[in-house]
Amino acid sequence: MRICDDRYRRERLALELALRFLRHEARTRTIRTWTGLSDDRIRKLYRSYMSHARRYLPRHRGKSPHQVAYFTRSLRLQQETAVLASVLSLLGVVPAALAAEAPGALPGLTRGELLCQAFEAYRLLLPAAQISFEHTVFLATALARGDQLLPGAEGYFNRRQSAAHHDR
C-alpha cells in the first residue's frame, strides 16, 4: 500500500486541505464542510500536527460568521472586502455565473485549495488586514449565492440597501 496510489489521492488532498484550514484558524464545521472529514478526524489532526506548532493556533468555537453587515462596518472593511472579493473572483473561488452552479457545489477540495490561495494572496496584499479566514469563507459563500452581496460599480453592496436606494 502506497500513500501515492491514486485511490488515496482524494483522502490525502482532504487531509492536506484540512491542515491548511487549521493553519488559517478555521472552525471544525468549516473544515468538515469543505473537506468531508469527520469532526473526530479534524480534532485528531489538530492534536497531532497543530498543537506543537511554533506559534499557538487557537481553535475558535461557536458559529461561523453569518452577517453581511460585518463587511460594511467601516470604510476600511469595505475596501478590504472589495480587494478580497476581487481576489476570490480572479482565482475562481466564486463562480463567474451564479446560476450556472448550485451554491452547495461551492465547498469542495478544489475550491477549498483556491480559497486558501486567495486568502493567502489577500494577506500578502494587505498584511494588516482585518478580515479573518472564517469571514473569507462566508464572503465567498455569500458572493456565490448572490442573495446578500452583489457586485456593484463601487465595490460590493447589500441587495436590500440597493433596492431601497433605487426606490428613491
C-alpha atoms as a PDB file:
ATOM      1  CA  MET A   1       0.000   0.000   0.000  1.00  0.00           C
ATOM      2  CA  ARG A   2       1.498   3.288  -1.101  1.00  0.00           C
ATOM      3  CA  ILE A   3       0.264   6.692   0.010  1.00  0.00           C
ATOM      4  CA  CYS A   4       0.820   7.973  -3.527  1.00  0.00           C
ATOM      5  CA  ASP A   5      -1.637   5.459  -5.027  1.00  0.00           C
ATOM      6  CA  ASP A   6      -4.445   7.157  -6.894  1.00  0.00           C
ATOM      7  CA  ARG A   7      -7.095   5.588  -4.658  1.00  0.00           C
ATOM      8  CA  TYR A   8      -5.730   7.531  -1.667  1.00  0.00           C
ATOM      9  CA  ARG A   9      -5.332  10.790  -3.566  1.00  0.00           C
ATOM     10  CA  ARG A  10      -8.658  12.312  -2.511  1.00  0.00           C
ATOM     11  CA  GLU A  11      -8.159  11.436   1.154  1.00  0.00           C
ATOM     12  CA  ARG A  12      -4.618  12.834   1.109  1.00  0.00           C
ATOM     13  CA  LEU A  13      -5.867  16.040  -0.519  1.00  0.00           C
ATOM     14  CA  ALA A  14      -8.625  16.329   2.101  1.00  0.00           C
ATOM     15  CA  LEU A  15      -6.096  15.920   4.932  1.00  0.00           C
ATOM     16  CA  GLU A  16      -3.730  18.481   3.406  1.00  0.00           C
ATOM     17  CA  LEU A  17      -6.575  20.959   2.914  1.00  0.00           C
ATOM     18  CA  ALA A  18      -7.771  20.402   6.487  1.00  0.00           C
ATOM     19  CA  LEU A  19      -4.276  21.166   7.801  1.00  0.00           C
ATOM     20  CA  ARG A  20      -4.190  24.313   5.703  1.00  0.00           C
ATOM     21  CA  PHE A  21      -7.595  25.378   7.053  1.00  0.00           C
ATOM     22  CA  LEU A  22      -6.352  24.693  10.593  1.00  0.00           C
ATOM     23  CA  ARG A  23      -3.347  26.969   9.985  1.00  0.00           C
ATOM     24  CA  HIS A  24      -5.832  29.687   8.998  1.00  0.00           C
ATOM     25  CA  GLU A  25      -7.750  29.087  12.260  1.00  0.00           C
ATOM     26  CA  ALA A  26     -10.894  27.712  10.628  1.00  0.00           C
ATOM     27  CA  ARG A  27     -13.632  26.203  12.769  1.00  0.00           C
ATOM     28  CA  THR A  28     -14.271  22.469  12.752  1.00  0.00           C
ATOM     29  CA  ARG A  29     -17.592  22.819  10.931  1.00  0.00           C
ATOM     30  CA  THR A  30     -15.981  24.874   8.169  1.00  0.00           C
ATOM     31  CA  ILE A  31     -13.268  22.257   7.713  1.00  0.00           C
ATOM     32  CA  ARG A  32     -15.845  19.459   7.701  1.00  0.00           C
ATOM     33  CA  THR A  33     -17.966  21.252   5.089  1.00  0.00           C
ATOM     34  CA  TRP A  34     -15.062  21.854   2.708  1.00  0.00           C
ATOM     35  CA  THR A  35     -13.154  18.573   3.160  1.00  0.00           C
ATOM     36  CA  GLY A  36     -15.763  15.990   4.105  1.00  0.00           C
ATOM     37  CA  LEU A  37     -13.674  14.830   7.073  1.00  0.00           C
ATOM     38  CA  SER A  38     -15.370  13.897  10.337  1.00  0.00           C
ATOM     39  CA  ASP A  39     -15.192  16.099  13.425  1.00  0.00           C
ATOM     40  CA  ASP A  40     -13.164  13.433  15.202  1.00  0.00           C
ATOM     41  CA  ARG A  41     -10.645  13.223  12.354  1.00  0.00           C
ATOM     42  CA  ILE A  42     -10.242  17.018  12.369  1.00  0.00           C
ATOM     43  CA  ARG A  43      -9.647  17.101  16.137  1.00  0.00           C
ATOM     44  CA  LYS A  44      -7.058  14.335  15.810  1.00  0.00           C
ATOM     45  CA  LEU A  45      -5.318  16.247  13.028  1.00  0.00           C
ATOM     46  CA  TYR A  46      -5.155  19.319  15.224  1.00  0.00           C
ATOM     47  CA  ARG A  47      -3.773  17.374  18.171  1.00  0.00           C
ATOM     48  CA  SER A  48      -1.225  15.535  16.028  1.00  0.00           C
ATOM     49  CA  TYR A  49       0.070  18.372  13.876  1.00  0.00           C
ATOM     50  CA  MET A  50      -1.011  21.751  15.202  1.00  0.00           C
ATOM     51  CA  SER A  51      -0.715  21.503  18.981  1.00  0.00           C
ATOM     52  CA  HIS A  52       3.092  21.526  18.679  1.00  0.00           C
ATOM     53  CA  ALA A  53       3.251  24.377  16.172  1.00  0.00           C
ATOM     54  CA  ARG A  54       5.790  27.180  16.627  1.00  0.00           C
ATOM     55  CA  ARG A  55       3.049  29.668  17.326  1.00  0.00           C
ATOM     56  CA  TYR A  56      -0.160  28.936  19.171  1.00  0.00           C
ATOM     57  CA  LEU A  57      -3.097  28.426  16.820  1.00  0.00           C
ATOM     58  CA  PRO A  58      -6.367  28.925  18.682  1.00  0.00           C
ATOM     59  CA  ARG A  59      -9.403  26.774  17.967  1.00  0.00           C
ATOM     60  CA  HIS A  60     -12.399  29.046  17.545  1.00  0.00           C
ATOM     61  CA  ARG A  61     -15.691  27.787  18.895  1.00  0.00           C
ATOM     62  CA  GLY A  62     -19.267  28.676  18.153  1.00  0.00           C
ATOM     63  CA  LYS A  63     -20.989  29.670  14.954  1.00  0.00           C
ATOM     64  CA  SER A  64     -19.111  30.823  11.918  1.00  0.00           C
ATOM     65  CA  PRO A  65     -19.650  34.429  10.798  1.00  0.00           C
ATOM     66  CA  HIS A  66     -23.004  34.913   9.094  1.00  0.00           C
ATOM     67  CA  GLN A  67     -23.778  38.652   9.000  1.00  0.00           C
ATOM     68  CA  VAL A  68     -23.140  40.629   5.832  1.00  0.00           C
ATOM     69  CA  ALA A  69     -23.114  43.843   7.885  1.00  0.00           C
ATOM     70  CA  TYR A  70     -19.592  42.956   9.085  1.00  0.00           C
ATOM     71  CA  PHE A  71     -18.207  43.843   5.646  1.00  0.00           C
ATOM     72  CA  THR A  72     -19.781  47.317   5.679  1.00  0.00           C
ATOM     73  CA  ARG A  73     -18.958  48.402   9.258  1.00  0.00           C
ATOM     74  CA  SER A  74     -16.242  50.834   8.234  1.00  0.00           C
ATOM     75  CA  LEU A  75     -14.690  52.288   5.120  1.00  0.00           C
ATOM     76  CA  ARG A  76     -11.562  50.212   5.721  1.00  0.00           C
ATOM     77  CA  LEU A  77     -13.556  46.969   5.895  1.00  0.00           C
ATOM     78  CA  GLN A  78     -15.443  47.930   2.744  1.00  0.00           C
ATOM     79  CA  GLN A  79     -12.153  48.472   0.930  1.00  0.00           C
ATOM     80  CA  GLU A  80     -10.699  45.216   2.243  1.00  0.00           C
ATOM     81  CA  THR A  81     -13.876  43.399   1.222  1.00  0.00           C
ATOM     82  CA  ALA A  82     -13.605  44.770  -2.316  1.00  0.00           C
ATOM     83  CA  VAL A  83      -9.969  43.632  -2.553  1.00  0.00           C
ATOM     84  CA  LEU A  84     -10.762  40.200  -1.129  1.00  0.00           C
ATOM     85  CA  ALA A  85     -13.832  39.751  -3.341  1.00  0.00           C
ATOM     86  CA  SER A  86     -11.715  40.640  -6.373  1.00  0.00           C
ATOM     87  CA  VAL A  87      -9.072  38.081  -5.442  1.00  0.00           C
ATOM     88  CA  LEU A  88     -11.747  35.432  -4.813  1.00  0.00           C
ATOM     89  CA  SER A  89     -13.227  36.164  -8.217  1.00  0.00           C
ATOM     90  CA  LEU A  90      -9.907  36.274 -10.065  1.00  0.00           C
ATOM     91  CA  LEU A  91      -8.763  32.934  -8.651  1.00  0.00           C
ATOM     92  CA  GLY A  92     -12.087  31.265  -9.476  1.00  0.00           C
ATOM     93  CA  VAL A  93     -13.328  30.651  -5.948  1.00  0.00           C
ATOM     94  CA  VAL A  94     -16.577  32.440  -6.768  1.00  0.00           C
ATOM     95  CA  PRO A  95     -18.158  31.092  -9.964  1.00  0.00           C
ATOM     96  CA  ALA A  96     -18.401  33.624 -12.778  1.00  0.00           C
ATOM     97  CA  ALA A  97     -22.046  32.756 -13.460  1.00  0.00           C
ATOM     98  CA  LEU A  98     -24.125  32.492 -10.300  1.00  0.00           C
ATOM     99  CA  ALA A  99     -26.902  30.482 -11.936  1.00  0.00           C
ATOM    100  CA  ALA A 100     -24.505  28.029 -13.605  1.00  0.00           C
ATOM    101  CA  GLU A 101     -23.644  26.199 -10.382  1.00  0.00           C
ATOM    102  CA  ALA A 102     -25.647  25.387  -7.294  1.00  0.00           C
ATOM    103  CA  PRO A 103     -24.426  27.202  -4.155  1.00  0.00           C
ATOM    104  CA  GLY A 104     -23.979  23.813  -2.473  1.00  0.00           C
ATOM    105  CA  ALA A 105     -21.336  22.990  -5.074  1.00  0.00           C
ATOM    106  CA  LEU A 106     -19.009  25.725  -3.765  1.00  0.00           C
ATOM    107  CA  PRO A 107     -17.435  23.786  -0.876  1.00  0.00           C
ATOM    108  CA  GLY A 108     -15.058  21.104  -2.108  1.00  0.00           C
ATOM    109  CA  LEU A 109     -11.404  20.197  -2.275  1.00  0.00           C
ATOM    110  CA  THR A 110     -10.574  22.074  -5.485  1.00  0.00           C
ATOM    111  CA  ARG A 111     -12.328  25.291  -4.493  1.00  0.00           C
ATOM    112  CA  GLY A 112     -11.025  24.894  -0.933  1.00  0.00           C
ATOM    113  CA  GLU A 113      -7.485  24.940  -2.287  1.00  0.00           C
ATOM    114  CA  LEU A 114      -8.325  28.022  -4.348  1.00  0.00           C
ATOM    115  CA  LEU A 115      -9.917  29.620  -1.274  1.00  0.00           C
ATOM    116  CA  CYS A 116      -6.685  29.178   0.693  1.00  0.00           C
ATOM    117  CA  GLN A 117      -4.642  30.587  -2.192  1.00  0.00           C
ATOM    118  CA  ALA A 118      -6.966  33.587  -2.421  1.00  0.00           C
ATOM    119  CA  PHE A 119      -6.807  34.253   1.332  1.00  0.00           C
ATOM    120  CA  GLU A 120      -3.010  33.953   1.337  1.00  0.00           C
ATOM    121  CA  ALA A 121      -2.726  36.325  -1.654  1.00  0.00           C
ATOM    122  CA  TYR A 122      -5.073  38.766   0.080  1.00  0.00           C
ATOM    123  CA  ARG A 123      -2.912  38.675   3.225  1.00  0.00           C
ATOM    124  CA  LEU A 124       0.164  39.357   1.098  1.00  0.00           C
ATOM    125  CA  LEU A 125      -1.571  42.363  -0.461  1.00  0.00           C
ATOM    126  CA  LEU A 126      -2.850  43.629   2.917  1.00  0.00           C
ATOM    127  CA  PRO A 127      -0.636  42.287   5.738  1.00  0.00           C
ATOM    128  CA  ALA A 128      -2.604  44.169   8.429  1.00  0.00           C
ATOM    129  CA  ALA A 129      -5.976  43.036   7.088  1.00  0.00           C
ATOM    130  CA  GLN A 130      -8.894  42.730   9.485  1.00  0.00           C
ATOM    131  CA  ILE A 131     -10.890  40.065   7.628  1.00  0.00           C
ATOM    132  CA  SER A 132     -10.318  36.575   9.043  1.00  0.00           C
ATOM    133  CA  PHE A 133     -10.316  33.298   7.151  1.00  0.00           C
ATOM    134  CA  GLU A 134     -13.774  32.442   8.521  1.00  0.00           C
ATOM    135  CA  HIS A 135     -15.113  35.756   7.199  1.00  0.00           C
ATOM    136  CA  THR A 136     -13.444  34.971   3.871  1.00  0.00           C
ATOM    137  CA  VAL A 137     -15.324  31.669   3.698  1.00  0.00           C
ATOM    138  CA  PHE A 138     -18.577  33.478   4.460  1.00  0.00           C
ATOM    139  CA  LEU A 139     -17.842  36.172   1.854  1.00  0.00           C
ATOM    140  CA  ALA A 140     -17.128  33.557  -0.831  1.00  0.00           C
ATOM    141  CA  THR A 141     -20.358  31.736   0.004  1.00  0.00           C
ATOM    142  CA  ALA A 142     -22.423  34.938   0.061  1.00  0.00           C
ATOM    143  CA  LEU A 143     -20.996  36.058  -3.281  1.00  0.00           C
ATOM    144  CA  ALA A 144     -21.641  32.636  -4.845  1.00  0.00           C
ATOM    145  CA  ARG A 145     -25.252  32.649  -3.637  1.00  0.00           C
ATOM    146  CA  GLY A 146     -25.762  36.209  -4.825  1.00  0.00           C
ATOM    147  CA  ASP A 147     -28.618  36.797  -2.396  1.00  0.00           C
ATOM    148  CA  GLN A 148     -26.857  39.081   0.102  1.00  0.00           C
ATOM    149  CA  LEU A 149     -23.919  40.698  -1.684  1.00  0.00           C
ATOM    150  CA  LEU A 150     -23.809  41.663  -5.308  1.00  0.00           C
ATOM    151  CA  PRO A 151     -21.047  43.243  -7.377  1.00  0.00           C
ATOM    152  CA  GLY A 152     -21.534  46.928  -7.994  1.00  0.00           C
ATOM    153  CA  ALA A 153     -19.708  49.820  -9.581  1.00  0.00           C
ATOM    154  CA  GLU A 154     -18.276  50.935  -6.241  1.00  0.00           C
ATOM    155  CA  GLY A 155     -17.324  47.522  -4.864  1.00  0.00           C
ATOM    156  CA  TYR A 156     -19.825  45.190  -3.227  1.00  0.00           C
ATOM    157  CA  PHE A 157     -23.144  46.218  -1.721  1.00  0.00           C
ATOM    158  CA  ASN A 158     -26.101  44.694   0.049  1.00  0.00           C
ATOM    159  CA  ARG A 159     -29.055  43.879  -2.210  1.00  0.00           C
ATOM    160  CA  ARG A 160     -31.616  45.206   0.297  1.00  0.00           C
ATOM    161  CA  GLN A 161     -29.791  48.523   0.504  1.00  0.00           C
ATOM    162  CA  SER A 162     -29.628  48.771  -3.286  1.00  0.00           C
ATOM    163  CA  ALA A 163     -33.372  48.094  -3.641  1.00  0.00           C
ATOM    164  CA  ALA A 164     -34.153  50.888  -1.163  1.00  0.00           C
ATOM    165  CA  HIS A 165     -31.713  53.169  -2.977  1.00  0.00           C
ATOM    166  CA  HIS A 166     -33.372  52.566  -6.362  1.00  0.00           C
ATOM    167  CA  ASP A 167     -36.845  53.322  -4.976  1.00  0.00           C
ATOM    168  CA  ARG A 168     -35.853  56.933  -4.156  1.00  0.00           C
END
